[in-house]
Amino acid sequence: LSLQSRVVGVQLYRLRLQMRSVAALSDALMITFLVAIAFVLYQMYVICRVGLNQADDRFQLLAIPVLQTITALEDAEVRRREMKKEMEKDVVCLLYTSPSPRDS
């Protein structure tokens, strides 16, 4: 809408309010109600957004030790496998035979 038509609409609305038109008062109450609802919804959004940011920060703080633990467990498993391979190489088979009566 053009600026002139908006100005005329506002002037007509003011005139209706001055005449205490039921429709104009109803419109004013509805506009006030909608603005209040919009404000409340915005405040809820802000609170939720802050809550999500805080939750995300807490998750990051909690996730770091978990990730470090997982990494340490994976590293330990790799070291265990390497040590097992090394131990398999170092196994020496000792065959012990007791003296037989025939040997004497």
C-alpha atoms as a PDB file:
ATOM      1  CA  LEU A   1       0.000   0.000   0.000  1.00  0.00           C
ATOM      2  CA  SER A   2       1.070   3.517  -0.638  1.00  0.00           C
ATOM      3  CA  LEU A   3       1.979   5.868   2.166  1.00  0.00           C
ATOM      4  CA  GLN A   4      -1.040   8.067   1.475  1.00  0.00           C
ATOM      5  CA  SER A   5      -3.494   5.162   1.758  1.00  0.00           C
ATOM      6  CA  ARG A   6      -1.851   4.092   5.032  1.00  0.00           C
ATOM      7  CA  VAL A   7      -2.169   7.599   6.438  1.00  0.00           C
ATOM      8  CA  VAL A   8      -5.846   7.676   5.480  1.00  0.00           C
ATOM      9  CA  GLY A   9      -6.378   4.255   7.097  1.00  0.00           C
ATOM     10  CA  VAL A  10      -4.779   5.433  10.346  1.00  0.00           C
ATOM     11  CA  GLN A  11      -6.884   8.590  10.322  1.00  0.00           C
ATOM     12  CA  LEU A  12     -10.069   6.577   9.841  1.00  0.00           C
ATOM     13  CA  TYR A  13      -9.065   4.237  12.631  1.00  0.00           C
ATOM     14  CA  ARG A  14      -8.442   7.212  14.996  1.00  0.00           C
ATOM     15  CA  LEU A  15     -11.824   8.634  14.075  1.00  0.00           C
ATOM     16  CA  ARG A  16     -13.495   5.298  14.822  1.00  0.00           C
ATOM     17  CA  LEU A  17     -11.715   5.158  18.199  1.00  0.00           C
ATOM     18  CA  GLN A  18     -12.831   8.745  19.022  1.00  0.00           C
ATOM     19  CA  MET A  19     -16.399   7.785  18.220  1.00  0.00           C
ATOM     20  CA  ARG A  20     -15.931   4.782  20.521  1.00  0.00           C
ATOM     21  CA  SER A  21     -16.912   2.365  17.813  1.00  0.00           C
ATOM     22  CA  VAL A  22     -17.255  -1.171  19.141  1.00  0.00           C
ATOM     23  CA  ALA A  23     -15.419  -2.527  16.097  1.00  0.00           C
ATOM     24  CA  ALA A  24     -12.569  -0.033  16.565  1.00  0.00           C
ATOM     25  CA  LEU A  25     -12.251  -0.872  20.263  1.00  0.00           C
ATOM     26  CA  SER A  26     -12.339  -4.558  19.414  1.00  0.00           C
ATOM     27  CA  ASP A  27      -9.623  -4.017  16.813  1.00  0.00           C
ATOM     28  CA  ALA A  28      -7.507  -2.100  19.350  1.00  0.00           C
ATOM     29  CA  LEU A  29      -7.869  -4.873  21.901  1.00  0.00           C
ATOM     30  CA  MET A  30      -7.017  -7.494  19.292  1.00  0.00           C
ATOM     31  CA  ILE A  31      -3.926  -5.574  18.166  1.00  0.00           C
ATOM     32  CA  THR A  32      -2.812  -5.156  21.793  1.00  0.00           C
ATOM     33  CA  PHE A  33      -3.395  -8.855  22.413  1.00  0.00           C
ATOM     34  CA  LEU A  34      -1.417  -9.860  19.312  1.00  0.00           C
ATOM     35  CA  VAL A  35       1.462  -7.562  20.253  1.00  0.00           C
ATOM     36  CA  ALA A  36       1.507  -9.053  23.768  1.00  0.00           C
ATOM     37  CA  ILE A  37       1.513 -12.583  22.346  1.00  0.00           C
ATOM     38  CA  ALA A  38       4.310 -11.685  19.934  1.00  0.00           C
ATOM     39  CA  PHE A  39       6.326 -10.243  22.841  1.00  0.00           C
ATOM     40  CA  VAL A  40       5.787 -13.345  24.988  1.00  0.00           C
ATOM     41  CA  LEU A  41       6.724 -15.648  22.102  1.00  0.00           C
ATOM     42  CA  TYR A  42       9.867 -13.625  21.452  1.00  0.00           C
ATOM     43  CA  GLN A  43      10.836 -13.806  25.123  1.00  0.00           C
ATOM     44  CA  MET A  44      10.263 -17.569  25.083  1.00  0.00           C
ATOM     45  CA  TYR A  45      12.451 -17.826  21.990  1.00  0.00           C
ATOM     46  CA  VAL A  46      15.225 -15.819  23.663  1.00  0.00           C
ATOM     47  CA  ILE A  47      15.064 -17.957  26.808  1.00  0.00           C
ATOM     48  CA  CYS A  48      15.094 -21.178  24.798  1.00  0.00           C
ATOM     49  CA  ARG A  49      17.942 -19.958  22.613  1.00  0.00           C
ATOM     50  CA  VAL A  50      20.019 -19.079  25.673  1.00  0.00           C
ATOM     51  CA  GLY A  51      19.124 -22.441  27.192  1.00  0.00           C
ATOM     52  CA  LEU A  52      20.182 -24.229  24.010  1.00  0.00           C
ATOM     53  CA  ASN A  53      23.452 -22.327  23.901  1.00  0.00           C
ATOM     54  CA  GLN A  54      24.162 -23.206  27.521  1.00  0.00           C
ATOM     55  CA  ALA A  55      23.205 -26.837  26.895  1.00  0.00           C
ATOM     56  CA  ASP A  56      25.463 -26.901  23.839  1.00  0.00           C
ATOM     57  CA  ASP A  57      28.334 -25.461  25.890  1.00  0.00           C
ATOM     58  CA  ARG A  58      27.758 -28.053  28.623  1.00  0.00           C
ATOM     59  CA  PHE A  59      27.612 -30.818  26.018  1.00  0.00           C
ATOM     60  CA  GLN A  60      30.914 -29.655  24.573  1.00  0.00           C
ATOM     61  CA  LEU A  61      32.475 -29.656  28.039  1.00  0.00           C
ATOM     62  CA  LEU A  62      31.145 -33.148  28.726  1.00  0.00           C
ATOM     63  CA  ALA A  63      32.019 -34.432  25.264  1.00  0.00           C
ATOM     64  CA  ILE A  64      35.708 -33.570  25.566  1.00  0.00           C
ATOM     65  CA  PRO A  65      36.483 -36.129  28.327  1.00  0.00           C
ATOM     66  CA  VAL A  66      34.359 -38.744  26.579  1.00  0.00           C
ATOM     67  CA  LEU A  67      36.218 -38.228  23.308  1.00  0.00           C
ATOM     68  CA  GLN A  68      39.548 -38.295  25.138  1.00  0.00           C
ATOM     69  CA  THR A  69      38.561 -41.554  26.836  1.00  0.00           C
ATOM     70  CA  ILE A  70      37.528 -43.136  23.543  1.00  0.00           C
ATOM     71  CA  THR A  71      40.782 -42.029  21.933  1.00  0.00           C
ATOM     72  CA  ALA A  72      42.789 -43.398  24.868  1.00  0.00           C
ATOM     73  CA  LEU A  73      40.965 -46.736  24.658  1.00  0.00           C
ATOM     74  CA  GLU A  74      41.616 -46.959  20.920  1.00  0.00           C
ATOM     75  CA  ASP A  75      45.306 -46.138  21.470  1.00  0.00           C
ATOM     76  CA  ALA A  76      45.518 -48.749  24.225  1.00  0.00           C
ATOM     77  CA  GLU A  77      44.003 -51.365  21.911  1.00  0.00           C
ATOM     78  CA  VAL A  78      46.549 -50.521  19.207  1.00  0.00           C
ATOM     79  CA  ARG A  79      49.402 -50.788  21.748  1.00  0.00           C
ATOM     80  CA  ARG A  80      48.006 -54.108  23.041  1.00  0.00           C
ATOM     81  CA  ARG A  81      47.991 -55.548  19.527  1.00  0.00           C
ATOM     82  CA  GLU A  82      51.537 -54.337  18.890  1.00  0.00           C
ATOM     83  CA  MET A  83      52.758 -55.806  22.183  1.00  0.00           C
ATOM     84  CA  LYS A  84      51.036 -59.112  21.401  1.00  0.00           C
ATOM     85  CA  LYS A  85      52.843 -59.293  18.064  1.00  0.00           C
ATOM     86  CA  GLU A  86      56.165 -58.527  19.781  1.00  0.00           C
ATOM     87  CA  MET A  87      55.533 -61.159  22.443  1.00  0.00           C
ATOM     88  CA  GLU A  88      54.709 -63.762  19.786  1.00  0.00           C
ATOM     89  CA  LYS A  89      58.086 -63.097  18.193  1.00  0.00           C
ATOM     90  CA  ASP A  90      59.916 -63.491  21.509  1.00  0.00           C
ATOM     91  CA  VAL A  91      58.347 -66.783  22.532  1.00  0.00           C
ATOM     92  CA  VAL A  92      61.002 -69.411  22.963  1.00  0.00           C
ATOM     93  CA  CYS A  93      59.965 -72.984  23.109  1.00  0.00           C
ATOM     94  CA  LEU A  94      61.831 -74.928  25.765  1.00  0.00           C
ATOM     95  CA  LEU A  95      61.393 -78.634  25.522  1.00  0.00           C
ATOM     96  CA  TYR A  96      62.166 -80.297  28.786  1.00  0.00           C
ATOM     97  CA  THR A  97      62.747 -83.989  28.794  1.00  0.00           C
ATOM     98  CA  SER A  98      63.419 -85.886  31.899  1.00  0.00           C
ATOM     99  CA  PRO A  99      66.169 -88.461  31.753  1.00  0.00           C
ATOM    100  CA  SER A 100      64.783 -91.772  30.749  1.00  0.00           C
ATOM    101  CA  PRO A 101      65.812 -94.953  32.558  1.00  0.00           C
ATOM    102  CA  ARG A 102      67.306 -96.130  29.291  1.00  0.00           C
ATOM    103  CA  ASP A 103      69.769 -93.219  29.332  1.00  0.00           C
ATOM    104  CA  SER A 104      71.535 -94.479  32.430  1.00  0.00           C
END
